[in-house]
């Protein structure tokens, strides 16, 4: 599953470490966070993980959640969710060519 790859982990880590270089996109849903990442950020196999003009949606598996929970918790804290925790994380990715931006959206269920 593409969402559980090292490439996705590396992009999430980049966002976490370089919040001043990405754009957080306001969302209507309280349990969602969306981020625009410049396409100058190196990504292994971007054609797989960030399809041009299409959305790639996957549920992160439990192993990924367990292994990277602290990182995901930091993103969850940026949501406006009234929930205290989450059971699942869905990730949506895409490449927005005209904006030269990788889109990363995390939905905490």
C-alpha atoms as a PDB file:
ATOM      1  CA  UNK A   1       0.000   0.000   0.000  1.00  0.00           C
ATOM      2  CA  UNK A   2       1.492   3.291  -1.121  1.00  0.00           C
ATOM      3  CA  UNK A   3       0.492   5.211   2.011  1.00  0.00           C
ATOM      4  CA  UNK A   4       2.677   3.054   4.205  1.00  0.00           C
ATOM      5  CA  UNK A   5       5.880   3.639   2.287  1.00  0.00           C
ATOM      6  CA  UNK A   6       9.135   5.229   3.305  1.00  0.00           C
ATOM      7  CA  UNK A   7       8.444   7.928   0.704  1.00  0.00           C
ATOM      8  CA  UNK A   8       5.264   9.001   2.492  1.00  0.00           C
ATOM      9  CA  UNK A   9       7.001   8.843   5.868  1.00  0.00           C
ATOM     10  CA  UNK A  10       9.818  11.026   4.506  1.00  0.00           C
ATOM     11  CA  UNK A  11       7.365  13.619   3.184  1.00  0.00           C
ATOM     12  CA  UNK A  12       5.494  13.685   6.511  1.00  0.00           C
ATOM     13  CA  UNK A  13       8.793  14.090   8.345  1.00  0.00           C
ATOM     14  CA  UNK A  14       9.780  16.937   6.005  1.00  0.00           C
ATOM     15  CA  UNK A  15       6.468  18.695   6.709  1.00  0.00           C
ATOM     16  CA  UNK A  16       6.933  18.241  10.446  1.00  0.00           C
ATOM     17  CA  UNK A  17      10.506  19.577  10.415  1.00  0.00           C
ATOM     18  CA  UNK A  18      10.006  22.398   7.888  1.00  0.00           C
ATOM     19  CA  UNK A  19       6.606  23.860   8.657  1.00  0.00           C
ATOM     20  CA  UNK A  20       7.790  27.232   7.412  1.00  0.00           C
ATOM     21  CA  UNK A  21       8.386  25.791   3.906  1.00  0.00           C
ATOM     22  CA  UNK A  22       4.960  24.200   3.392  1.00  0.00           C
ATOM     23  CA  UNK A  23       1.448  25.602   3.180  1.00  0.00           C
ATOM     24  CA  UNK A  24      -1.245  24.399   5.539  1.00  0.00           C
ATOM     25  CA  UNK A  25      -4.579  24.536   3.714  1.00  0.00           C
ATOM     26  CA  UNK A  26      -7.670  25.415   5.733  1.00  0.00           C
ATOM     27  CA  UNK A  27     -10.226  22.580   5.757  1.00  0.00           C
ATOM     28  CA  UNK A  28     -13.953  22.486   6.428  1.00  0.00           C
ATOM     29  CA  UNK A  29     -13.835  19.143   8.212  1.00  0.00           C
ATOM     30  CA  UNK A  30     -12.510  19.235  11.743  1.00  0.00           C
ATOM     31  CA  UNK A  31     -10.689  15.906  11.496  1.00  0.00           C
ATOM     32  CA  UNK A  32      -8.686  16.725   8.347  1.00  0.00           C
ATOM     33  CA  UNK A  33      -5.403  18.485   7.741  1.00  0.00           C
ATOM     34  CA  UNK A  34      -4.154  19.334   4.255  1.00  0.00           C
ATOM     35  CA  UNK A  35      -0.686  20.504   3.314  1.00  0.00           C
ATOM     36  CA  UNK A  36       0.850  21.786   0.121  1.00  0.00           C
ATOM     37  CA  UNK A  37       4.493  20.769  -0.273  1.00  0.00           C
ATOM     38  CA  UNK A  38       6.731  22.366  -2.923  1.00  0.00           C
ATOM     39  CA  UNK A  39       7.718  19.922  -5.652  1.00  0.00           C
ATOM     40  CA  UNK A  40      11.352  20.849  -5.055  1.00  0.00           C
ATOM     41  CA  UNK A  41      11.259  18.494  -2.057  1.00  0.00           C
ATOM     42  CA  UNK A  42      12.866  15.217  -3.133  1.00  0.00           C
ATOM     43  CA  UNK A  43      10.403  12.315  -3.247  1.00  0.00           C
ATOM     44  CA  UNK A  44      11.285   8.786  -4.301  1.00  0.00           C
ATOM     45  CA  UNK A  45       8.955   7.619  -7.093  1.00  0.00           C
ATOM     46  CA  UNK A  46       6.662  10.659  -7.081  1.00  0.00           C
ATOM     47  CA  UNK A  47       4.714   9.233 -10.042  1.00  0.00           C
ATOM     48  CA  UNK A  48       3.536   6.434  -7.738  1.00  0.00           C
ATOM     49  CA  UNK A  49       2.813   8.420  -4.584  1.00  0.00           C
ATOM     50  CA  UNK A  50       1.726  11.748  -6.110  1.00  0.00           C
ATOM     51  CA  UNK A  51      -0.179  11.099  -9.352  1.00  0.00           C
ATOM     52  CA  UNK A  52      -0.651  14.121 -11.614  1.00  0.00           C
ATOM     53  CA  UNK A  53      -4.218  15.392 -11.562  1.00  0.00           C
ATOM     54  CA  UNK A  54      -5.554  12.351  -9.689  1.00  0.00           C
ATOM     55  CA  UNK A  55      -6.083  11.515  -6.058  1.00  0.00           C
ATOM     56  CA  UNK A  56      -4.497   8.494  -4.408  1.00  0.00           C
ATOM     57  CA  UNK A  57      -6.384   7.524  -1.238  1.00  0.00           C
ATOM     58  CA  UNK A  58      -5.246   4.846   1.195  1.00  0.00           C
ATOM     59  CA  UNK A  59      -5.825   3.861   4.794  1.00  0.00           C
ATOM     60  CA  UNK A  60      -2.598   3.664   6.737  1.00  0.00           C
ATOM     61  CA  UNK A  61      -2.112   0.230   8.187  1.00  0.00           C
ATOM     62  CA  UNK A  62      -1.859  -0.436  11.910  1.00  0.00           C
ATOM     63  CA  UNK A  63       1.886  -1.085  11.717  1.00  0.00           C
ATOM     64  CA  UNK A  64       2.461   2.385  10.269  1.00  0.00           C
ATOM     65  CA  UNK A  65       0.271   3.928  12.978  1.00  0.00           C
ATOM     66  CA  UNK A  66       2.157   2.084  15.705  1.00  0.00           C
ATOM     67  CA  UNK A  67       5.585   2.855  14.295  1.00  0.00           C
ATOM     68  CA  UNK A  68       4.941   6.545  13.541  1.00  0.00           C
ATOM     69  CA  UNK A  69       2.259   7.411  16.086  1.00  0.00           C
ATOM     70  CA  UNK A  70       4.169  10.292  17.620  1.00  0.00           C
ATOM     71  CA  UNK A  71       4.559  11.978  14.227  1.00  0.00           C
ATOM     72  CA  UNK A  72       0.890  11.399  13.370  1.00  0.00           C
ATOM     73  CA  UNK A  73      -0.179  12.716  16.783  1.00  0.00           C
ATOM     74  CA  UNK A  74       1.564  16.010  15.987  1.00  0.00           C
ATOM     75  CA  UNK A  75      -0.528  16.301  12.813  1.00  0.00           C
ATOM     76  CA  UNK A  76      -3.696  15.289  14.666  1.00  0.00           C
ATOM     77  CA  UNK A  77      -3.052  18.113  17.148  1.00  0.00           C
ATOM     78  CA  UNK A  78      -3.329  20.570  14.204  1.00  0.00           C
ATOM     79  CA  UNK A  79      -6.897  19.483  13.432  1.00  0.00           C
ATOM     80  CA  UNK A  80      -9.964  21.054  15.000  1.00  0.00           C
ATOM     81  CA  UNK A  81     -11.328  17.667  16.015  1.00  0.00           C
ATOM     82  CA  UNK A  82     -13.360  17.433  19.192  1.00  0.00           C
ATOM     83  CA  UNK A  83     -12.221  13.819  19.551  1.00  0.00           C
ATOM     84  CA  UNK A  84      -9.426  12.985  21.941  1.00  0.00           C
ATOM     85  CA  UNK A  85      -7.884  10.333  19.692  1.00  0.00           C
ATOM     86  CA  UNK A  86      -8.296   8.454  16.421  1.00  0.00           C
ATOM     87  CA  UNK A  87      -8.438   4.825  15.291  1.00  0.00           C
ATOM     88  CA  UNK A  88      -7.639   5.189  11.582  1.00  0.00           C
ATOM     89  CA  UNK A  89      -5.705   7.585   9.390  1.00  0.00           C
ATOM     90  CA  UNK A  90      -6.499   8.006   5.720  1.00  0.00           C
ATOM     91  CA  UNK A  91      -4.015   9.743   3.457  1.00  0.00           C
ATOM     92  CA  UNK A  92      -4.837  11.380   0.166  1.00  0.00           C
ATOM     93  CA  UNK A  93      -2.006  12.470  -2.109  1.00  0.00           C
ATOM     94  CA  UNK A  94      -1.756  14.122  -5.494  1.00  0.00           C
ATOM     95  CA  UNK A  95       0.480  16.339  -7.588  1.00  0.00           C
ATOM     96  CA  UNK A  96      -0.987  19.675  -8.635  1.00  0.00           C
ATOM     97  CA  UNK A  97       1.090  20.429 -11.697  1.00  0.00           C
ATOM     98  CA  UNK A  98       0.122  24.058 -12.319  1.00  0.00           C
ATOM     99  CA  UNK A  99       0.923  24.909  -8.679  1.00  0.00           C
ATOM    100  CA  UNK A 100       4.083  22.766  -8.639  1.00  0.00           C
ATOM    101  CA  UNK A 101       2.829  21.312  -5.368  1.00  0.00           C
ATOM    102  CA  UNK A 102       2.465  17.914  -3.789  1.00  0.00           C
ATOM    103  CA  UNK A 103      -0.833  17.676  -1.920  1.00  0.00           C
ATOM    104  CA  UNK A 104      -0.938  15.685   1.316  1.00  0.00           C
ATOM    105  CA  UNK A 105      -4.216  15.332   3.188  1.00  0.00           C
ATOM    106  CA  UNK A 106      -4.573  13.373   6.426  1.00  0.00           C
ATOM    107  CA  UNK A 107      -7.995  12.376   7.704  1.00  0.00           C
ATOM    108  CA  UNK A 108      -8.198  11.115  11.286  1.00  0.00           C
ATOM    109  CA  UNK A 109     -11.148   8.811  11.980  1.00  0.00           C
END
